[in-house]
């Protein structure tokens, strides 16, 4: 089985390397950067979930993958859900971790404040340097600014609602860390209950950042799901 690993907002494919290494014995694992992230240049179009979904489909076409399983971390899971809804013939199974499904203007405003480049550079200089290296030679601040516009758009016009999820019929695994301060259990449960073929898993001692996730624990959950 081919498995595509999708990174989160302001992230890049290299954040998925450690997880890929733990899965590659059982699966053919692929990683990719979304447009404007990591090694990819900025697109002319604004950042959007549909743009990133198009990146995945283009990658699949280039690698002659008629169908693949997907795992998406955070925003990558949202992209995966979009693919499962609108390109269901291309996606066999979907796993997500720490994906925020509920968006409204207040949530979007809160999250955009968390990725303000000036605040990050002032209060989290080490993280600013990481972002600079991750997205070199592009300006990391522009990555964050474009992402903020994407989040604002999701707040104003969410792509998913309870009446949409029942149309997603492929197997879906929703994972959430029990110490995730960005994604609530309630919103994850609501999506789980709306999907006709879903599983739910809680990772103990797990916060939101992918760097702090126990990769052995995550890989074990995913291996079980993708083998079914």
N, C-alpha and C. Protein backbone atom coordinates (compact mmCIF):
# COMPACT_ATOMS: atom_id res chain seq x y z
N UNK A 1 0.84 -1.20 0.00
CA UNK A 1 0.00 0.00 0.00
C UNK A 1 0.88 1.25 0.00
N UNK A 2 0.51 2.21 -0.82
CA UNK A 2 1.19 3.51 -0.83
C UNK A 2 0.52 4.42 0.18
N UNK A 3 1.33 5.09 1.00
CA UNK A 3 0.83 5.99 2.03
C UNK A 3 1.49 7.35 1.89
N UNK A 4 0.67 8.39 1.79
CA UNK A 4 1.16 9.75 1.70
C UNK A 4 1.05 10.41 3.08
N UNK A 5 2.15 11.00 3.55
CA UNK A 5 2.16 11.73 4.81
C UNK A 5 2.10 13.22 4.53
N UNK A 6 1.11 13.89 5.08
CA UNK A 6 0.89 15.31 4.82
C UNK A 6 1.19 16.14 6.07
N UNK A 7 2.04 17.13 5.92
CA UNK A 7 2.45 17.95 7.06
C UNK A 7 1.39 18.99 7.41
N UNK A 8 1.62 19.69 8.51
CA UNK A 8 0.67 20.69 8.99
C UNK A 8 0.98 22.09 8.50
N UNK A 9 0.18 23.05 8.97
CA UNK A 9 0.36 24.45 8.61
C UNK A 9 1.73 24.93 9.06
N UNK A 10 2.36 25.75 8.26
CA UNK A 10 3.70 26.32 8.43
C UNK A 10 4.77 25.24 8.60
N UNK A 11 4.41 24.00 8.24
CA UNK A 11 5.35 22.90 8.37
C UNK A 11 5.96 22.53 7.03
N UNK A 12 6.58 21.34 6.99
CA UNK A 12 7.22 20.86 5.77
C UNK A 12 7.37 19.35 5.86
N UNK A 13 7.69 18.76 4.72
CA UNK A 13 7.76 17.30 4.62
C UNK A 13 8.80 16.71 5.56
N UNK A 14 9.89 17.45 5.84
CA UNK A 14 10.95 16.87 6.67
C UNK A 14 10.49 16.59 8.10
N UNK A 15 9.39 17.21 8.53
CA UNK A 15 8.85 16.92 9.86
C UNK A 15 8.25 15.51 9.94
N UNK A 16 8.01 14.90 8.80
CA UNK A 16 7.40 13.58 8.76
C UNK A 16 8.44 12.48 8.56
N UNK A 17 9.72 12.85 8.49
CA UNK A 17 10.76 11.87 8.18
C UNK A 17 10.85 10.77 9.23
N UNK A 18 10.82 11.14 10.51
CA UNK A 18 10.96 10.15 11.57
C UNK A 18 9.80 9.16 11.55
N UNK A 19 8.58 9.66 11.33
CA UNK A 19 7.42 8.77 11.26
C UNK A 19 7.52 7.88 10.03
N UNK A 20 7.92 8.45 8.91
CA UNK A 20 8.05 7.66 7.67
C UNK A 20 9.00 6.49 7.87
N UNK A 21 10.09 6.72 8.59
CA UNK A 21 11.09 5.67 8.81
C UNK A 21 10.50 4.50 9.59
N UNK A 22 9.55 4.78 10.47
CA UNK A 22 8.95 3.73 11.29
C UNK A 22 7.84 2.98 10.56
N UNK A 23 7.37 3.54 9.45
CA UNK A 23 6.28 2.91 8.71
C UNK A 23 6.73 2.21 7.44
N UNK A 24 7.94 2.50 6.99
CA UNK A 24 8.32 2.09 5.64
C UNK A 24 8.56 0.58 5.51
N UNK A 25 8.67 -0.15 6.60
CA UNK A 25 8.83 -1.60 6.48
C UNK A 25 7.53 -2.27 6.02
N UNK A 26 6.40 -1.66 6.36
CA UNK A 26 5.10 -2.25 6.04
C UNK A 26 4.40 -1.55 4.88
N UNK A 27 4.82 -0.32 4.59
CA UNK A 27 4.12 0.50 3.60
C UNK A 27 5.13 1.21 2.70
N UNK A 28 4.70 1.57 1.51
CA UNK A 28 5.51 2.42 0.65
C UNK A 28 5.13 3.86 0.98
N UNK A 29 6.02 4.57 1.67
CA UNK A 29 5.68 5.87 2.26
C UNK A 29 6.21 7.00 1.40
N UNK A 30 5.36 8.01 1.22
CA UNK A 30 5.71 9.20 0.45
C UNK A 30 5.51 10.43 1.33
N UNK A 31 6.38 11.42 1.17
CA UNK A 31 6.19 12.71 1.82
C UNK A 31 6.29 13.79 0.74
N UNK A 32 5.64 14.91 0.97
CA UNK A 32 5.71 16.02 0.03
C UNK A 32 5.48 17.33 0.75
N UNK A 33 6.02 18.39 0.16
CA UNK A 33 5.77 19.75 0.65
C UNK A 33 4.57 20.33 -0.07
N UNK A 34 3.70 20.99 0.66
CA UNK A 34 2.65 21.77 0.02
C UNK A 34 3.26 23.00 -0.65
N UNK A 35 2.56 23.55 -1.61
CA UNK A 35 3.02 24.76 -2.29
C UNK A 35 3.37 25.85 -1.28
N UNK A 36 4.55 26.47 -1.48
CA UNK A 36 4.96 27.55 -0.59
C UNK A 36 5.56 27.11 0.72
N UNK A 37 5.71 25.81 0.93
CA UNK A 37 6.27 25.26 2.17
C UNK A 37 7.56 24.51 1.85
N UNK A 38 8.47 24.49 2.82
CA UNK A 38 9.70 23.74 2.64
C UNK A 38 10.44 24.16 1.39
N UNK A 39 10.65 23.21 0.50
CA UNK A 39 11.42 23.47 -0.72
C UNK A 39 10.58 24.05 -1.85
N UNK A 40 9.26 24.10 -1.68
CA UNK A 40 8.39 24.52 -2.78
C UNK A 40 8.27 26.03 -2.86
N UNK A 41 8.31 26.60 -4.07
CA UNK A 41 8.16 28.05 -4.21
C UNK A 41 6.73 28.49 -3.91
N UNK A 42 6.56 29.78 -3.68
CA UNK A 42 5.22 30.30 -3.45
C UNK A 42 4.39 30.19 -4.72
N UNK A 43 3.14 29.79 -4.60
CA UNK A 43 2.26 29.76 -5.76
C UNK A 43 1.71 31.16 -6.03
N UNK A 44 1.22 31.36 -7.23
CA UNK A 44 0.56 32.64 -7.52
C UNK A 44 -0.75 32.75 -6.77
N UNK A 45 -1.45 31.65 -6.62
CA UNK A 45 -2.74 31.65 -5.92
C UNK A 45 -2.53 31.73 -4.42
N UNK A 46 -3.51 32.23 -3.68
CA UNK A 46 -3.42 32.23 -2.21
C UNK A 46 -3.38 30.80 -1.67
N UNK A 47 -2.82 30.65 -0.48
CA UNK A 47 -2.89 29.36 0.20
C UNK A 47 -4.36 28.98 0.39
N UNK A 48 -4.67 27.73 0.14
CA UNK A 48 -6.03 27.23 0.38
C UNK A 48 -5.98 25.72 0.52
N UNK A 49 -7.00 25.16 1.13
CA UNK A 49 -7.08 23.71 1.28
C UNK A 49 -7.19 23.05 -0.09
N UNK A 50 -7.96 23.65 -0.99
CA UNK A 50 -8.09 23.07 -2.33
C UNK A 50 -6.77 23.12 -3.10
N UNK A 51 -5.98 24.18 -2.89
CA UNK A 51 -4.66 24.26 -3.53
C UNK A 51 -3.77 23.12 -3.05
N UNK A 52 -3.75 22.90 -1.74
CA UNK A 52 -2.89 21.85 -1.18
C UNK A 52 -3.40 20.46 -1.59
N UNK A 53 -4.72 20.30 -1.68
CA UNK A 53 -5.25 19.03 -2.17
C UNK A 53 -4.81 18.79 -3.61
N UNK A 54 -4.77 19.87 -4.40
CA UNK A 54 -4.27 19.75 -5.76
C UNK A 54 -2.81 19.33 -5.80
N UNK A 55 -2.01 19.81 -4.83
CA UNK A 55 -0.62 19.38 -4.74
C UNK A 55 -0.53 17.86 -4.57
N UNK A 56 -1.41 17.32 -3.72
CA UNK A 56 -1.40 15.88 -3.47
C UNK A 56 -1.77 15.12 -4.74
N UNK A 57 -2.80 15.56 -5.42
CA UNK A 57 -3.24 14.89 -6.64
C UNK A 57 -2.17 14.97 -7.73
N UNK A 58 -1.51 16.11 -7.83
CA UNK A 58 -0.43 16.25 -8.80
C UNK A 58 0.71 15.28 -8.48
N UNK A 59 1.06 15.20 -7.20
CA UNK A 59 2.11 14.26 -6.78
C UNK A 59 1.71 12.83 -7.15
N UNK A 60 0.47 12.47 -6.87
CA UNK A 60 0.01 11.12 -7.19
C UNK A 60 0.08 10.86 -8.69
N UNK A 61 -0.32 11.83 -9.48
CA UNK A 61 -0.28 11.67 -10.93
C UNK A 61 1.16 11.51 -11.43
N UNK A 62 2.06 12.33 -10.87
CA UNK A 62 3.46 12.28 -11.29
C UNK A 62 4.10 10.94 -10.94
N UNK A 63 3.64 10.34 -9.84
CA UNK A 63 4.20 9.07 -9.41
C UNK A 63 3.32 7.88 -9.81
N UNK A 64 2.35 8.16 -10.68
CA UNK A 64 1.48 7.12 -11.24
C UNK A 64 0.77 6.32 -10.15
N UNK A 65 0.24 7.03 -9.17
CA UNK A 65 -0.53 6.42 -8.09
C UNK A 65 -2.01 6.66 -8.35
N UNK A 66 -2.70 5.63 -8.78
CA UNK A 66 -4.13 5.78 -9.02
C UNK A 66 -4.88 6.00 -7.71
N UNK A 67 -4.39 5.35 -6.67
CA UNK A 67 -5.03 5.46 -5.36
C UNK A 67 -3.97 5.30 -4.28
N UNK A 68 -4.19 5.96 -3.15
CA UNK A 68 -3.24 5.85 -2.04
C UNK A 68 -3.98 6.10 -0.73
N UNK A 69 -3.39 5.62 0.34
CA UNK A 69 -3.86 5.98 1.67
C UNK A 69 -3.18 7.28 2.08
N UNK A 70 -3.81 7.99 2.98
CA UNK A 70 -3.29 9.29 3.41
C UNK A 70 -3.27 9.36 4.93
N UNK A 71 -2.20 9.95 5.46
CA UNK A 71 -2.17 10.36 6.86
C UNK A 71 -1.85 11.85 6.89
N UNK A 72 -2.67 12.62 7.59
CA UNK A 72 -2.43 14.05 7.68
C UNK A 72 -2.34 14.52 9.11
N UNK A 73 -1.27 15.25 9.39
CA UNK A 73 -1.10 15.86 10.71
C UNK A 73 -1.68 17.27 10.67
N UNK A 74 -2.50 17.62 11.65
CA UNK A 74 -3.06 18.97 11.81
C UNK A 74 -3.72 19.42 10.50
N UNK A 75 -3.26 20.49 9.88
CA UNK A 75 -3.87 20.95 8.64
C UNK A 75 -3.80 19.89 7.55
N UNK A 76 -2.77 19.05 7.58
CA UNK A 76 -2.67 17.97 6.61
C UNK A 76 -3.86 17.03 6.68
N UNK A 77 -4.40 16.84 7.88
CA UNK A 77 -5.60 16.02 8.04
C UNK A 77 -6.82 16.68 7.42
N UNK A 78 -6.88 18.00 7.50
CA UNK A 78 -7.98 18.74 6.88
C UNK A 78 -7.91 18.60 5.36
N UNK A 79 -6.69 18.67 4.83
CA UNK A 79 -6.50 18.45 3.39
C UNK A 79 -6.92 17.02 3.02
N UNK A 80 -6.53 16.07 3.86
CA UNK A 80 -6.92 14.69 3.61
C UNK A 80 -8.43 14.50 3.61
N UNK A 81 -9.12 15.17 4.53
CA UNK A 81 -10.57 15.06 4.58
C UNK A 81 -11.21 15.68 3.34
N UNK A 82 -10.63 16.77 2.86
CA UNK A 82 -11.11 17.39 1.63
C UNK A 82 -10.96 16.42 0.46
N UNK A 83 -9.82 15.76 0.39
CA UNK A 83 -9.60 14.76 -0.67
C UNK A 83 -10.59 13.60 -0.55
N UNK A 84 -10.83 13.16 0.67
CA UNK A 84 -11.76 12.04 0.88
C UNK A 84 -13.17 12.41 0.46
N UNK A 85 -13.52 13.69 0.61
CA UNK A 85 -14.87 14.13 0.23
C UNK A 85 -15.00 14.36 -1.26
N UNK A 86 -14.03 15.02 -1.86
CA UNK A 86 -14.18 15.48 -3.24
C UNK A 86 -13.38 14.67 -4.27
N UNK A 87 -12.50 13.80 -3.80
CA UNK A 87 -11.72 12.95 -4.70
C UNK A 87 -11.64 11.54 -4.10
N UNK A 88 -12.79 11.02 -3.73
CA UNK A 88 -12.84 9.78 -2.95
C UNK A 88 -12.26 8.58 -3.69
N UNK A 89 -12.28 8.59 -5.01
CA UNK A 89 -11.75 7.45 -5.75
C UNK A 89 -10.23 7.35 -5.65
N UNK A 90 -9.58 8.44 -5.25
CA UNK A 90 -8.12 8.45 -5.18
C UNK A 90 -7.60 8.08 -3.78
N UNK A 91 -8.47 8.11 -2.78
CA UNK A 91 -8.03 7.92 -1.39
C UNK A 91 -8.68 6.66 -0.83
N UNK A 92 -7.87 5.70 -0.41
CA UNK A 92 -8.41 4.43 0.10
C UNK A 92 -8.72 4.49 1.59
N UNK A 93 -7.84 5.12 2.35
CA UNK A 93 -8.01 5.25 3.79
C UNK A 93 -7.41 6.58 4.23
N UNK A 94 -7.95 7.13 5.31
CA UNK A 94 -7.46 8.41 5.81
C UNK A 94 -7.25 8.35 7.31
N UNK A 95 -6.05 8.70 7.73
CA UNK A 95 -5.77 8.87 9.15
C UNK A 95 -5.42 10.32 9.42
N UNK A 96 -5.86 10.84 10.55
CA UNK A 96 -5.54 12.22 10.92
C UNK A 96 -5.05 12.24 12.37
N UNK A 97 -4.23 13.24 12.66
CA UNK A 97 -3.79 13.49 14.02
C UNK A 97 -3.83 14.99 14.28
N UNK A 98 -4.46 15.39 15.38
CA UNK A 98 -4.44 16.78 15.83
C UNK A 98 -5.01 17.73 14.79
N UNK A 99 -6.05 17.27 14.09
CA UNK A 99 -6.66 18.11 13.06
C UNK A 99 -7.82 18.89 13.65
N UNK A 100 -7.78 20.21 13.46
CA UNK A 100 -8.86 21.07 13.92
C UNK A 100 -9.92 21.14 12.85
N UNK A 101 -11.10 20.61 13.16
CA UNK A 101 -12.18 20.58 12.18
C UNK A 101 -13.18 21.71 12.37
N UNK A 102 -13.29 22.23 13.59
CA UNK A 102 -14.27 23.30 13.84
C UNK A 102 -13.59 24.66 13.70
N UNK A 103 -14.11 25.47 12.77
CA UNK A 103 -13.58 26.80 12.54
C UNK A 103 -14.70 27.82 12.55
N UNK A 104 -14.43 28.97 13.15
CA UNK A 104 -15.32 30.13 13.09
C UNK A 104 -14.43 31.36 13.20
N UNK A 105 -14.97 32.56 13.02
CA UNK A 105 -14.12 33.76 13.02
C UNK A 105 -13.30 33.95 14.30
N UNK A 106 -13.87 33.63 15.46
CA UNK A 106 -13.14 33.81 16.72
C UNK A 106 -11.96 32.86 16.82
N UNK A 107 -12.18 31.60 16.42
CA UNK A 107 -11.09 30.63 16.45
C UNK A 107 -10.00 31.02 15.47
N UNK A 108 -10.40 31.45 14.29
CA UNK A 108 -9.41 31.85 13.28
C UNK A 108 -8.58 33.03 13.78
N UNK A 109 -9.22 33.98 14.43
CA UNK A 109 -8.48 35.13 14.94
C UNK A 109 -7.47 34.70 16.00
N UNK A 110 -7.89 33.80 16.87
CA UNK A 110 -6.99 33.31 17.92
C UNK A 110 -5.79 32.59 17.32
N UNK A 111 -6.04 31.75 16.32
CA UNK A 111 -4.96 30.97 15.73
C UNK A 111 -4.01 31.84 14.90
N UNK A 112 -4.53 32.85 14.23
CA UNK A 112 -3.65 33.74 13.47
C UNK A 112 -2.74 34.53 14.40
N UNK A 113 -3.21 34.86 15.58
CA UNK A 113 -2.36 35.56 16.54
C UNK A 113 -1.20 34.68 16.99
N UNK A 114 -1.42 33.36 16.98
CA UNK A 114 -0.37 32.42 17.40
C UNK A 114 0.76 32.32 16.38
N UNK A 115 0.48 32.72 15.13
CA UNK A 115 1.52 32.62 14.11
C UNK A 115 1.92 34.01 13.60
N UNK A 116 1.81 35.00 14.45
CA UNK A 116 2.25 36.34 14.09
C UNK A 116 3.78 36.37 14.03
N UNK A 117 4.38 36.67 12.88
CA UNK A 117 5.84 36.59 12.73
C UNK A 117 6.60 37.47 13.72
N UNK A 118 6.11 38.68 13.96
CA UNK A 118 6.81 39.58 14.87
C UNK A 118 6.81 39.04 16.30
N UNK A 119 5.69 38.49 16.72
CA UNK A 119 5.61 37.93 18.07
C UNK A 119 6.51 36.70 18.21
N UNK A 120 6.52 35.88 17.17
CA UNK A 120 7.37 34.68 17.22
C UNK A 120 8.83 35.07 17.28
N UNK A 121 9.23 36.03 16.47
CA UNK A 121 10.63 36.45 16.45
C UNK A 121 11.04 37.05 17.80
N UNK A 122 10.09 37.74 18.46
CA UNK A 122 10.40 38.37 19.74
C UNK A 122 10.41 37.38 20.90
N UNK A 123 9.40 36.51 20.95
CA UNK A 123 9.21 35.65 22.11
C UNK A 123 9.77 34.23 21.92
N UNK A 124 9.88 33.79 20.65
CA UNK A 124 10.35 32.43 20.37
C UNK A 124 11.43 32.47 19.29
N UNK A 125 12.56 33.10 19.60
CA UNK A 125 13.59 33.27 18.57
C UNK A 125 14.11 31.95 18.00
N UNK A 126 14.19 30.92 18.83
CA UNK A 126 14.67 29.62 18.33
C UNK A 126 13.69 29.05 17.31
N UNK A 127 12.40 29.19 17.59
CA UNK A 127 11.38 28.72 16.64
C UNK A 127 11.43 29.53 15.36
N UNK A 128 11.68 30.82 15.48
CA UNK A 128 11.81 31.67 14.28
C UNK A 128 12.97 31.18 13.41
N UNK A 129 14.09 30.82 14.04
CA UNK A 129 15.23 30.31 13.27
C UNK A 129 14.89 28.98 12.60
N UNK A 130 14.12 28.14 13.31
CA UNK A 130 13.69 26.88 12.72
C UNK A 130 12.84 27.10 11.49
N UNK A 131 11.92 28.05 11.58
CA UNK A 131 11.06 28.36 10.45
C UNK A 131 11.87 28.93 9.29
N UNK A 132 12.84 29.76 9.62
CA UNK A 132 13.69 30.34 8.58
C UNK A 132 14.44 29.25 7.82
N UNK A 133 14.97 28.28 8.55
CA UNK A 133 15.70 27.18 7.92
C UNK A 133 14.76 26.25 7.15
N UNK A 134 13.58 26.02 7.72
CA UNK A 134 12.63 25.08 7.11
C UNK A 134 12.17 25.56 5.74
N UNK A 135 11.98 26.86 5.59
CA UNK A 135 11.40 27.39 4.36
C UNK A 135 12.41 28.13 3.48
N UNK A 136 13.69 28.05 3.83
CA UNK A 136 14.75 28.69 3.04
C UNK A 136 14.73 28.16 1.60
N UNK A 137 14.91 29.01 0.59
CA UNK A 137 15.32 30.42 0.66
C UNK A 137 14.16 31.42 0.70
N UNK A 138 12.94 30.92 0.86
CA UNK A 138 11.79 31.83 0.93
C UNK A 138 11.79 32.56 2.27
N UNK A 139 11.02 33.63 2.34
CA UNK A 139 10.85 34.39 3.58
C UNK A 139 9.83 33.67 4.45
N UNK A 140 10.27 33.16 5.59
CA UNK A 140 9.37 32.41 6.48
C UNK A 140 8.21 33.27 6.95
N UNK A 141 8.44 34.57 7.08
CA UNK A 141 7.36 35.44 7.54
C UNK A 141 6.22 35.48 6.53
N UNK A 142 6.55 35.39 5.26
CA UNK A 142 5.50 35.36 4.23
C UNK A 142 4.70 34.07 4.30
N UNK A 143 5.36 32.96 4.63
CA UNK A 143 4.65 31.70 4.82
C UNK A 143 3.59 31.86 5.90
N UNK A 144 3.98 32.48 7.01
CA UNK A 144 3.04 32.66 8.11
C UNK A 144 1.92 33.63 7.74
N UNK A 145 2.26 34.68 7.03
CA UNK A 145 1.23 35.65 6.64
C UNK A 145 0.22 35.03 5.70
N UNK A 146 0.70 34.23 4.75
CA UNK A 146 -0.22 33.56 3.83
C UNK A 146 -1.08 32.52 4.56
N UNK A 147 -0.47 31.86 5.53
CA UNK A 147 -1.22 30.89 6.33
C UNK A 147 -2.30 31.58 7.14
N UNK A 148 -1.99 32.76 7.67
CA UNK A 148 -2.99 33.51 8.43
C UNK A 148 -4.20 33.84 7.58
N UNK A 149 -3.96 34.20 6.32
CA UNK A 149 -5.08 34.47 5.42
C UNK A 149 -5.91 33.21 5.19
N UNK A 150 -5.24 32.07 5.08
CA UNK A 150 -5.96 30.80 4.92
C UNK A 150 -6.84 30.53 6.13
N UNK A 151 -6.30 30.71 7.33
CA UNK A 151 -7.07 30.44 8.54
C UNK A 151 -8.26 31.40 8.65
N UNK A 152 -8.05 32.64 8.28
CA UNK A 152 -9.14 33.61 8.29
C UNK A 152 -10.25 33.18 7.34
N UNK A 153 -9.86 32.67 6.19
CA UNK A 153 -10.85 32.18 5.21
C UNK A 153 -11.63 30.99 5.76
N UNK A 154 -10.93 30.09 6.45
CA UNK A 154 -11.61 28.95 7.05
C UNK A 154 -12.58 29.40 8.14
N UNK A 155 -12.18 30.43 8.89
CA UNK A 155 -13.08 30.96 9.92
C UNK A 155 -14.34 31.54 9.32
N UNK A 156 -14.18 32.24 8.20
CA UNK A 156 -15.33 32.88 7.56
C UNK A 156 -16.19 31.87 6.79
N UNK A 157 -15.52 30.91 6.16
CA UNK A 157 -16.24 29.92 5.35
C UNK A 157 -15.65 28.52 5.56
N UNK A 158 -16.02 27.86 6.65
CA UNK A 158 -15.52 26.50 6.89
C UNK A 158 -15.91 25.57 5.74
N UNK A 159 -15.03 24.63 5.43
CA UNK A 159 -15.28 23.72 4.32
C UNK A 159 -16.11 22.51 4.71
N UNK A 160 -16.24 22.27 6.02
CA UNK A 160 -16.97 21.09 6.48
C UNK A 160 -18.03 21.49 7.50
N UNK A 161 -19.11 20.75 7.47
CA UNK A 161 -20.19 20.91 8.43
C UNK A 161 -20.78 19.53 8.69
N UNK A 162 -21.58 19.36 9.75
CA UNK A 162 -22.09 18.03 10.09
C UNK A 162 -22.82 17.33 8.95
N UNK A 163 -23.43 18.08 8.04
CA UNK A 163 -24.17 17.44 6.96
C UNK A 163 -23.27 16.93 5.84
N UNK A 164 -21.99 17.32 5.85
CA UNK A 164 -21.06 16.90 4.80
C UNK A 164 -20.38 15.58 5.15
N UNK A 165 -20.06 15.38 6.42
CA UNK A 165 -19.27 14.21 6.82
C UNK A 165 -19.91 12.86 6.46
N UNK A 166 -21.24 12.71 6.51
CA UNK A 166 -21.82 11.40 6.16
C UNK A 166 -21.52 10.95 4.73
N UNK A 167 -21.15 11.88 3.85
CA UNK A 167 -20.82 11.52 2.47
C UNK A 167 -19.42 10.94 2.34
N UNK A 168 -18.63 11.02 3.40
CA UNK A 168 -17.26 10.48 3.38
C UNK A 168 -17.33 9.05 3.90
N UNK A 169 -17.24 8.10 3.00
CA UNK A 169 -17.52 6.71 3.37
C UNK A 169 -16.28 5.83 3.49
N UNK A 170 -15.09 6.34 3.12
CA UNK A 170 -13.88 5.52 3.27
C UNK A 170 -13.55 5.38 4.75
N UNK A 171 -12.76 4.38 5.12
CA UNK A 171 -12.35 4.25 6.52
C UNK A 171 -11.50 5.45 6.95
N UNK A 172 -11.85 6.01 8.10
CA UNK A 172 -11.13 7.17 8.64
C UNK A 172 -10.75 6.89 10.09
N UNK A 173 -9.51 7.20 10.42
CA UNK A 173 -9.02 7.10 11.80
C UNK A 173 -8.71 8.51 12.29
N UNK A 174 -9.41 8.94 13.34
CA UNK A 174 -9.17 10.26 13.93
C UNK A 174 -8.37 10.07 15.21
N UNK A 175 -7.17 10.62 15.25
CA UNK A 175 -6.32 10.55 16.44
C UNK A 175 -6.17 11.93 17.05
N UNK A 176 -6.15 11.96 18.37
CA UNK A 176 -6.00 13.22 19.10
C UNK A 176 -5.14 12.98 20.33
N UNK A 177 -4.22 13.89 20.59
CA UNK A 177 -3.43 13.81 21.81
C UNK A 177 -4.22 14.31 23.01
N UNK A 178 -4.07 13.65 24.15
CA UNK A 178 -4.85 14.05 25.32
C UNK A 178 -4.38 15.36 25.94
N UNK A 179 -3.26 15.91 25.44
CA UNK A 179 -2.77 17.19 25.94
C UNK A 179 -2.75 18.26 24.84
N UNK A 180 -3.54 18.03 23.82
CA UNK A 180 -3.61 18.98 22.71
C UNK A 180 -4.41 20.21 23.17
N UNK A 181 -3.77 21.37 23.13
CA UNK A 181 -4.42 22.61 23.55
C UNK A 181 -5.08 23.37 22.41
N UNK A 182 -4.90 22.89 21.17
CA UNK A 182 -5.49 23.55 20.01
C UNK A 182 -6.78 22.87 19.56
N UNK A 183 -6.80 21.54 19.62
CA UNK A 183 -7.93 20.76 19.12
C UNK A 183 -8.66 20.13 20.30
N UNK A 184 -9.97 20.30 20.35
CA UNK A 184 -10.74 19.78 21.48
C UNK A 184 -11.23 18.36 21.21
N UNK A 185 -11.45 17.64 22.30
CA UNK A 185 -12.03 16.30 22.18
C UNK A 185 -13.45 16.39 21.65
N UNK A 186 -14.19 17.42 22.09
CA UNK A 186 -15.59 17.56 21.66
C UNK A 186 -15.70 17.68 20.14
N UNK A 187 -14.87 18.52 19.53
CA UNK A 187 -14.98 18.70 18.08
C UNK A 187 -14.55 17.44 17.34
N UNK A 188 -13.56 16.74 17.88
CA UNK A 188 -13.12 15.49 17.25
C UNK A 188 -14.20 14.42 17.37
N UNK A 189 -14.83 14.35 18.53
CA UNK A 189 -15.93 13.40 18.73
C UNK A 189 -17.09 13.68 17.80
N UNK A 190 -17.39 14.96 17.59
CA UNK A 190 -18.50 15.33 16.72
C UNK A 190 -18.26 14.84 15.29
N UNK A 191 -17.02 14.98 14.81
CA UNK A 191 -16.69 14.49 13.47
C UNK A 191 -16.75 12.97 13.44
N UNK A 192 -16.21 12.34 14.46
CA UNK A 192 -16.23 10.89 14.55
C UNK A 192 -17.66 10.34 14.46
N UNK A 193 -18.58 10.98 15.16
CA UNK A 193 -19.97 10.52 15.16
C UNK A 193 -20.68 10.78 13.84
N UNK A 194 -20.16 11.74 13.07
CA UNK A 194 -20.80 12.09 11.79
C UNK A 194 -20.30 11.24 10.63
N UNK A 195 -19.13 10.63 10.79
CA UNK A 195 -18.56 9.81 9.72
C UNK A 195 -19.12 8.39 9.80
N UNK A 196 -19.51 7.80 8.69
CA UNK A 196 -20.13 6.47 8.73
C UNK A 196 -19.15 5.32 8.95
N UNK A 197 -17.85 5.56 8.74
CA UNK A 197 -16.88 4.45 8.81
C UNK A 197 -15.61 4.93 9.51
N UNK A 198 -15.77 5.37 10.75
CA UNK A 198 -14.65 6.02 11.45
C UNK A 198 -14.24 5.27 12.71
N UNK A 199 -12.98 5.49 13.07
CA UNK A 199 -12.44 5.02 14.35
C UNK A 199 -11.85 6.23 15.06
N UNK A 200 -11.79 6.15 16.39
CA UNK A 200 -11.26 7.24 17.20
C UNK A 200 -10.19 6.71 18.13
N UNK A 201 -9.08 7.43 18.23
CA UNK A 201 -8.02 7.03 19.13
C UNK A 201 -7.45 8.23 19.87
N UNK A 202 -7.13 8.04 21.14
CA UNK A 202 -6.53 9.09 21.97
C UNK A 202 -5.11 8.67 22.33
N UNK A 203 -4.14 9.53 22.01
CA UNK A 203 -2.75 9.23 22.33
C UNK A 203 -2.41 9.84 23.69
N UNK A 204 -2.00 9.01 24.65
CA UNK A 204 -1.70 9.52 25.99
C UNK A 204 -0.43 10.35 26.03
N UNK A 205 -0.43 11.36 26.89
CA UNK A 205 0.75 12.19 27.09
C UNK A 205 1.20 12.93 25.84
N UNK A 206 0.24 13.29 24.98
CA UNK A 206 0.58 13.82 23.66
C UNK A 206 0.03 15.23 23.46
N UNK A 207 0.90 16.23 23.31
CA UNK A 207 0.45 17.59 22.98
C UNK A 207 0.29 17.76 21.47
N UNK A 208 0.06 18.98 21.02
CA UNK A 208 -0.21 19.23 19.61
C UNK A 208 1.03 19.14 18.71
N UNK A 209 2.16 19.74 19.06
CA UNK A 209 3.29 19.79 18.11
C UNK A 209 3.76 18.40 17.69
N UNK A 210 3.96 18.21 16.41
CA UNK A 210 4.37 16.91 15.88
C UNK A 210 5.72 16.48 16.43
N UNK A 211 6.58 17.45 16.74
CA UNK A 211 7.90 17.11 17.28
C UNK A 211 7.81 16.45 18.65
N UNK A 212 6.70 16.68 19.36
CA UNK A 212 6.54 16.14 20.72
C UNK A 212 5.68 14.88 20.75
N UNK A 213 5.30 14.39 19.59
CA UNK A 213 4.51 13.16 19.52
C UNK A 213 5.43 11.95 19.57
N UNK A 214 5.05 10.96 20.36
CA UNK A 214 5.79 9.70 20.43
C UNK A 214 5.59 8.96 19.11
N UNK A 215 6.64 8.90 18.30
CA UNK A 215 6.50 8.33 16.96
C UNK A 215 6.27 6.83 16.99
N UNK A 216 6.81 6.14 17.98
CA UNK A 216 6.55 4.70 18.08
C UNK A 216 5.08 4.44 18.36
N UNK A 217 4.51 5.22 19.27
CA UNK A 217 3.09 5.08 19.61
C UNK A 217 2.21 5.40 18.40
N UNK A 218 2.53 6.49 17.73
CA UNK A 218 1.75 6.89 16.55
C UNK A 218 1.87 5.85 15.44
N UNK A 219 3.08 5.40 15.18
CA UNK A 219 3.29 4.41 14.12
C UNK A 219 2.52 3.13 14.40
N UNK A 220 2.48 2.72 15.65
CA UNK A 220 1.75 1.51 16.02
C UNK A 220 0.27 1.65 15.69
N UNK A 221 -0.31 2.79 16.03
CA UNK A 221 -1.72 3.04 15.72
C UNK A 221 -1.97 3.02 14.22
N UNK A 222 -1.07 3.66 13.47
CA UNK A 222 -1.27 3.75 12.03
C UNK A 222 -1.07 2.40 11.33
N UNK A 223 -0.08 1.64 11.79
CA UNK A 223 0.16 0.34 11.17
C UNK A 223 -1.06 -0.57 11.31
N UNK A 224 -1.67 -0.54 12.48
CA UNK A 224 -2.87 -1.35 12.71
C UNK A 224 -4.00 -0.91 11.78
N UNK A 225 -4.17 0.39 11.64
CA UNK A 225 -5.26 0.92 10.82
C UNK A 225 -5.06 0.62 9.34
N UNK A 226 -3.85 0.84 8.84
CA UNK A 226 -3.63 0.68 7.41
C UNK A 226 -3.51 -0.79 6.98
N UNK A 227 -3.33 -1.68 7.94
CA UNK A 227 -3.29 -3.11 7.61
C UNK A 227 -4.67 -3.71 7.47
N UNK A 228 -5.68 -3.06 8.01
CA UNK A 228 -7.03 -3.63 8.04
C UNK A 228 -7.60 -3.79 6.63
